[in-house]
Amino acid sequence: MQFRAGSPADAEAIAGLIASFQGELTDDPSGAGAEGYLASVSVQAEREYLASERYRYLFA
């Protein structure tokens, strides 16, 4: 298995993976009431996390 560091270019894939579990991760499958959480895992938010020195993502 090979590992690599994540980059801002991976944001769409990460956000898409998280979104695919939205029904299991929120009380309401539509996301109602979880707007703050959904904003924190959006493509833009993931892009910012990946660009930040504060976070490290590893991909296998």
PDB file of N, CA and C in Angstrom:
ATOM      1  N   MET A   1       0.846  -1.165   0.000  1.00  0.00           N
ATOM      2  CA  MET A   1       0.000   0.000   0.000  1.00  0.00           C
ATOM      3  C   MET A   1       0.895   1.233   0.000  1.00  0.00           C
ATOM      4  N   GLN A   2       0.528   2.199  -0.807  1.00  0.00           N
ATOM      5  CA  GLN A   2       1.271   3.454  -0.862  1.00  0.00           C
ATOM      6  C   GLN A   2       0.453   4.559  -0.211  1.00  0.00           C
ATOM      7  N   PHE A   3       1.142   5.460   0.443  1.00  0.00           N
ATOM      8  CA  PHE A   3       0.520   6.604   1.092  1.00  0.00           C
ATOM      9  C   PHE A   3       1.025   7.875   0.438  1.00  0.00           C
ATOM     10  N   ARG A   4       0.177   8.900   0.478  1.00  0.00           N
ATOM     11  CA  ARG A   4       0.589  10.215   0.001  1.00  0.00           C
ATOM     12  C   ARG A   4      -0.126  11.268   0.822  1.00  0.00           C
ATOM     13  N   ALA A   5       0.455  12.445   0.852  1.00  0.00           N
ATOM     14  CA  ALA A   5      -0.163  13.570   1.558  1.00  0.00           C
ATOM     15  C   ALA A   5      -1.324  14.112   0.738  1.00  0.00           C
ATOM     16  N   GLY A   6      -2.360  14.544   1.431  1.00  0.00           N
ATOM     17  CA  GLY A   6      -3.486  15.172   0.756  1.00  0.00           C
ATOM     18  C   GLY A   6      -3.136  16.576   0.307  1.00  0.00           C
ATOM     19  N   SER A   7      -3.872  17.061  -0.685  1.00  0.00           N
ATOM     20  CA  SER A   7      -3.675  18.423  -1.177  1.00  0.00           C
ATOM     21  C   SER A   7      -5.042  19.044  -1.428  1.00  0.00           C
ATOM     22  N   PRO A   8      -5.099  20.363  -1.590  1.00  0.00           N
ATOM     23  CA  PRO A   8      -6.385  21.006  -1.858  1.00  0.00           C
ATOM     24  C   PRO A   8      -7.117  20.411  -3.066  1.00  0.00           C
ATOM     25  N   ALA A   9      -6.391  19.813  -3.983  1.00  0.00           N
ATOM     26  CA  ALA A   9      -7.031  19.186  -5.144  1.00  0.00           C
ATOM     27  C   ALA A   9      -7.886  17.982  -4.754  1.00  0.00           C
ATOM     28  N   ASP A  10      -7.711  17.459  -3.544  1.00  0.00           N
ATOM     29  CA  ASP A  10      -8.475  16.307  -3.068  1.00  0.00           C
ATOM     30  C   ASP A  10      -9.788  16.696  -2.394  1.00  0.00           C
ATOM     31  N   ALA A  11     -10.047  17.981  -2.255  1.00  0.00           N
ATOM     32  CA  ALA A  11     -11.205  18.454  -1.495  1.00  0.00           C
ATOM     33  C   ALA A  11     -12.524  17.918  -2.035  1.00  0.00           C
ATOM     34  N   GLU A  12     -12.697  17.902  -3.337  1.00  0.00           N
ATOM     35  CA  GLU A  12     -13.964  17.444  -3.907  1.00  0.00           C
ATOM     36  C   GLU A  12     -14.207  15.971  -3.587  1.00  0.00           C
ATOM     37  N   ALA A  13     -13.188  15.151  -3.685  1.00  0.00           N
ATOM     38  CA  ALA A  13     -13.331  13.725  -3.387  1.00  0.00           C
ATOM     39  C   ALA A  13     -13.660  13.499  -1.914  1.00  0.00           C
ATOM     40  N   ILE A  14     -13.000  14.232  -1.025  1.00  0.00           N
ATOM     41  CA  ILE A  14     -13.254  14.080   0.411  1.00  0.00           C
ATOM     42  C   ILE A  14     -14.675  14.510   0.746  1.00  0.00           C
ATOM     43  N   ALA A  15     -15.069  15.684   0.262  1.00  0.00           N
ATOM     44  CA  ALA A  15     -16.420  16.182   0.535  1.00  0.00           C
ATOM     45  C   ALA A  15     -17.462  15.230  -0.049  1.00  0.00           C
ATOM     46  N   GLY A  16     -17.193  14.673  -1.213  1.00  0.00           N
ATOM     47  CA  GLY A  16     -18.120  13.720  -1.821  1.00  0.00           C
ATOM     48  C   GLY A  16     -18.260  12.456  -0.997  1.00  0.00           C
ATOM     49  N   LEU A  17     -17.159  11.960  -0.467  1.00  0.00           N
ATOM     50  CA  LEU A  17     -17.202  10.770   0.382  1.00  0.00           C
ATOM     51  C   LEU A  17     -18.025  11.040   1.637  1.00  0.00           C
ATOM     52  N   ILE A  18     -17.774  12.165   2.281  1.00  0.00           N
ATOM     53  CA  ILE A  18     -18.536  12.518   3.483  1.00  0.00           C
ATOM     54  C   ILE A  18     -20.015  12.671   3.137  1.00  0.00           C
ATOM     55  N   ALA A  19     -20.317  13.330   2.027  1.00  0.00           N
ATOM     56  CA  ALA A  19     -21.711  13.537   1.618  1.00  0.00           C
ATOM     57  C   ALA A  19     -22.420  12.214   1.361  1.00  0.00           C
ATOM     58  N   SER A  20     -21.691  11.209   0.915  1.00  0.00           N
ATOM     59  CA  SER A  20     -22.324   9.917   0.635  1.00  0.00           C
ATOM     60  C   SER A  20     -22.837   9.250   1.908  1.00  0.00           C
ATOM     61  N   PHE A  21     -22.355   9.683   3.071  1.00  0.00           N
ATOM     62  CA  PHE A  21     -22.810   9.150   4.352  1.00  0.00           C
ATOM     63  C   PHE A  21     -23.729  10.115   5.094  1.00  0.00           C
ATOM     64  N   GLN A  22     -24.197  11.158   4.426  1.00  0.00           N
ATOM     65  CA  GLN A  22     -24.996  12.184   5.096  1.00  0.00           C
ATOM     66  C   GLN A  22     -26.189  11.595   5.834  1.00  0.00           C
ATOM     67  N   GLY A  23     -26.874  10.652   5.237  1.00  0.00           N
ATOM     68  CA  GLY A  23     -28.040  10.052   5.885  1.00  0.00           C
ATOM     69  C   GLY A  23     -27.715   9.375   7.202  1.00  0.00           C
ATOM     70  N   GLU A  24     -26.515   8.849   7.321  1.00  0.00           N
ATOM     71  CA  GLU A  24     -26.087   8.191   8.554  1.00  0.00           C
ATOM     72  C   GLU A  24     -25.463   9.170   9.545  1.00  0.00           C
ATOM     73  N   LEU A  25     -24.980  10.294   9.051  1.00  0.00           N
ATOM     74  CA  LEU A  25     -24.255  11.234   9.906  1.00  0.00           C
ATOM     75  C   LEU A  25     -25.111  12.371  10.449  1.00  0.00           C
ATOM     76  N   THR A  26     -26.326  12.490   9.966  1.00  0.00           N
ATOM     77  CA  THR A  26     -27.218  13.559  10.436  1.00  0.00           C
ATOM     78  C   THR A  26     -28.528  12.943  10.910  1.00  0.00           C
ATOM     79  N   ASP A  27     -29.198  13.610  11.833  1.00  0.00           N
ATOM     80  CA  ASP A  27     -30.470  13.101  12.346  1.00  0.00           C
ATOM     81  C   ASP A  27     -31.527  13.038  11.260  1.00  0.00           C
ATOM     82  N   ASP A  28     -31.546  14.041  10.399  1.00  0.00           N
ATOM     83  CA  ASP A  28     -32.502  14.098   9.290  1.00  0.00           C
ATOM     84  C   ASP A  28     -31.725  13.842   8.004  1.00  0.00           C
ATOM     85  N   PRO A  29     -32.089  12.819   7.236  1.00  0.00           N
ATOM     86  CA  PRO A  29     -31.344  12.509   6.006  1.00  0.00           C
ATOM     87  C   PRO A  29     -31.217  13.684   5.033  1.00  0.00           C
ATOM     88  N   SER A  30     -32.132  14.655   5.130  1.00  0.00           N
ATOM     89  CA  SER A  30     -32.058  15.822   4.246  1.00  0.00           C
ATOM     90  C   SER A  30     -30.977  16.806   4.694  1.00  0.00           C
ATOM     91  N   GLY A  31     -30.482  16.626   5.912  1.00  0.00           N
ATOM     92  CA  GLY A  31     -29.485  17.545   6.452  1.00  0.00           C
ATOM     93  C   GLY A  31     -30.086  18.690   7.243  1.00  0.00           C
ATOM     94  N   ALA A  32     -31.411  18.741   7.325  1.00  0.00           N
ATOM     95  CA  ALA A  32     -32.071  19.807   8.084  1.00  0.00           C
ATOM     96  C   ALA A  32     -31.582  19.778   9.530  1.00  0.00           C
ATOM     97  N   GLY A  33     -31.207  20.934  10.034  1.00  0.00           N
ATOM     98  CA  GLY A  33     -30.718  21.054  11.395  1.00  0.00           C
ATOM     99  C   GLY A  33     -29.223  20.828  11.539  1.00  0.00           C
ATOM    100  N   ALA A  34     -28.583  20.427  10.457  1.00  0.00           N
ATOM    101  CA  ALA A  34     -27.143  20.150  10.510  1.00  0.00           C
ATOM    102  C   ALA A  34     -26.369  21.077   9.581  1.00  0.00           C
ATOM    103  N   GLU A  35     -26.899  22.252   9.349  1.00  0.00           N
ATOM    104  CA  GLU A  35     -26.284  23.176   8.394  1.00  0.00           C
ATOM    105  C   GLU A  35     -24.844  23.530   8.757  1.00  0.00           C
ATOM    106  N   GLY A  36     -24.583  23.741  10.040  1.00  0.00           N
ATOM    107  CA  GLY A  36     -23.223  24.069  10.466  1.00  0.00           C
ATOM    108  C   GLY A  36     -22.258  22.932  10.181  1.00  0.00           C
ATOM    109  N   TYR A  37     -22.689  21.721  10.504  1.00  0.00           N
ATOM    110  CA  TYR A  37     -21.854  20.551  10.221  1.00  0.00           C
ATOM    111  C   TYR A  37     -21.616  20.423   8.718  1.00  0.00           C
ATOM    112  N   LEU A  38     -22.674  20.531   7.931  1.00  0.00           N
ATOM    113  CA  LEU A  38     -22.541  20.377   6.481  1.00  0.00           C
ATOM    114  C   LEU A  38     -21.615  21.437   5.891  1.00  0.00           C
ATOM    115  N   ALA A  39     -21.678  22.650   6.418  1.00  0.00           N
ATOM    116  CA  ALA A  39     -20.767  23.699   5.944  1.00  0.00           C
ATOM    117  C   ALA A  39     -19.319  23.350   6.292  1.00  0.00           C
ATOM    118  N   SER A  40     -19.117  22.683   7.431  1.00  0.00           N
ATOM    119  CA  SER A  40     -17.753  22.352   7.861  1.00  0.00           C
ATOM    120  C   SER A  40     -17.139  21.210   7.067  1.00  0.00           C
ATOM    121  N   VAL A  41     -17.949  20.494   6.288  1.00  0.00           N
ATOM    122  CA  VAL A  41     -17.431  19.394   5.459  1.00  0.00           C
ATOM    123  C   VAL A  41     -17.695  19.642   3.976  1.00  0.00           C
ATOM    124  N   SER A  42     -17.962  20.893   3.623  1.00  0.00           N
ATOM    125  CA  SER A  42     -18.194  21.252   2.220  1.00  0.00           C
ATOM    126  C   SER A  42     -16.885  21.201   1.440  1.00  0.00           C
ATOM    127  N   VAL A  43     -16.975  21.256   0.128  1.00  0.00           N
ATOM    128  CA  VAL A  43     -15.770  21.262  -0.709  1.00  0.00           C
ATOM    129  C   VAL A  43     -14.867  22.423  -0.313  1.00  0.00           C
ATOM    130  N   GLN A  44     -15.439  23.605  -0.141  1.00  0.00           N
ATOM    131  CA  GLN A  44     -14.625  24.776   0.218  1.00  0.00           C
ATOM    132  C   GLN A  44     -13.953  24.587   1.576  1.00  0.00           C
ATOM    133  N   ALA A  45     -14.694  24.081   2.562  1.00  0.00           N
ATOM    134  CA  ALA A  45     -14.106  23.859   3.886  1.00  0.00           C
ATOM    135  C   ALA A  45     -12.985  22.829   3.816  1.00  0.00           C
ATOM    136  N   GLU A  46     -13.214  21.738   3.103  1.00  0.00           N
ATOM    137  CA  GLU A  46     -12.171  20.716   2.968  1.00  0.00           C
ATOM    138  C   GLU A  46     -10.940  21.286   2.269  1.00  0.00           C
ATOM    139  N   ARG A  47     -11.168  22.113   1.258  1.00  0.00           N
ATOM    140  CA  ARG A  47     -10.045  22.741   0.549  1.00  0.00           C
ATOM    141  C   ARG A  47      -9.216  23.591   1.522  1.00  0.00           C
ATOM    142  N   GLU A  48      -9.903  24.327   2.391  1.00  0.00           N
ATOM    143  CA  GLU A  48      -9.199  25.163   3.368  1.00  0.00           C
ATOM    144  C   GLU A  48      -8.433  24.309   4.380  1.00  0.00           C
ATOM    145  N   TYR A  49      -9.045  23.213   4.845  1.00  0.00           N
ATOM    146  CA  TYR A  49      -8.346  22.318   5.773  1.00  0.00           C
ATOM    147  C   TYR A  49      -7.089  21.747   5.119  1.00  0.00           C
ATOM    148  N   LEU A  50      -7.228  21.300   3.876  1.00  0.00           N
ATOM    149  CA  LEU A  50      -6.101  20.685   3.168  1.00  0.00           C
ATOM    150  C   LEU A  50      -4.964  21.677   2.918  1.00  0.00           C
ATOM    151  N   ALA A  51      -5.293  22.943   2.770  1.00  0.00           N
ATOM    152  CA  ALA A  51      -4.278  23.968   2.533  1.00  0.00           C
ATOM    153  C   ALA A  51      -3.637  24.461   3.831  1.00  0.00           C
ATOM    154  N   SER A  52      -4.263  24.172   4.955  1.00  0.00           N
ATOM    155  CA  SER A  52      -3.800  24.665   6.249  1.00  0.00           C
ATOM    156  C   SER A  52      -2.613  23.860   6.774  1.00  0.00           C
ATOM    157  N   GLU A  53      -1.704  24.543   7.436  1.00  0.00           N
ATOM    158  CA  GLU A  53      -0.586  23.881   8.118  1.00  0.00           C
ATOM    159  C   GLU A  53      -1.066  23.133   9.363  1.00  0.00           C
ATOM    160  N   ARG A  54      -2.277  23.442   9.797  1.00  0.00           N
ATOM    161  CA  ARG A  54      -2.813  22.873  11.030  1.00  0.00           C
ATOM    162  C   ARG A  54      -3.260  21.420  10.876  1.00  0.00           C
ATOM    163  N   TYR A  55      -3.581  21.008   9.657  1.00  0.00           N
ATOM    164  CA  TYR A  55      -4.115  19.671   9.411  1.00  0.00           C
ATOM    165  C   TYR A  55      -3.209  18.888   8.476  1.00  0.00           C
ATOM    166  N   ARG A  56      -3.219  17.565   8.631  1.00  0.00           N
ATOM    167  CA  ARG A  56      -2.498  16.666   7.733  1.00  0.00           C
ATOM    168  C   ARG A  56      -3.463  15.562   7.300  1.00  0.00           C
ATOM    169  N   TYR A  57      -3.562  15.363   6.030  1.00  0.00           N
ATOM    170  CA  TYR A  57      -4.380  14.291   5.478  1.00  0.00           C
ATOM    171  C   TYR A  57      -3.449  13.288   4.820  1.00  0.00           C
ATOM    172  N   LEU A  58      -3.721  12.017   5.019  1.00  0.00           N
ATOM    173  CA  LEU A  58      -2.976  10.957   4.344  1.00  0.00           C
ATOM    174  C   LEU A  58      -3.950  10.123   3.529  1.00  0.00           C
ATOM    175  N   PHE A  59      -3.539   9.784   2.338  1.00  0.00           N
ATOM    176  CA  PHE A  59      -4.348   8.959   1.444  1.00  0.00           C
ATOM    177  C   PHE A  59      -3.622   7.654   1.188  1.00  0.00           C
ATOM    178  N   ALA A  60      -4.384   6.583   1.119  1.00  0.00           N
ATOM    179  CA  ALA A  60      -3.807   5.273   0.807  1.00  0.00           C
ATOM    180  C   ALA A  60      -4.405   4.769  -0.484  1.00  0.00           C
TER     181      ALA A  60
END
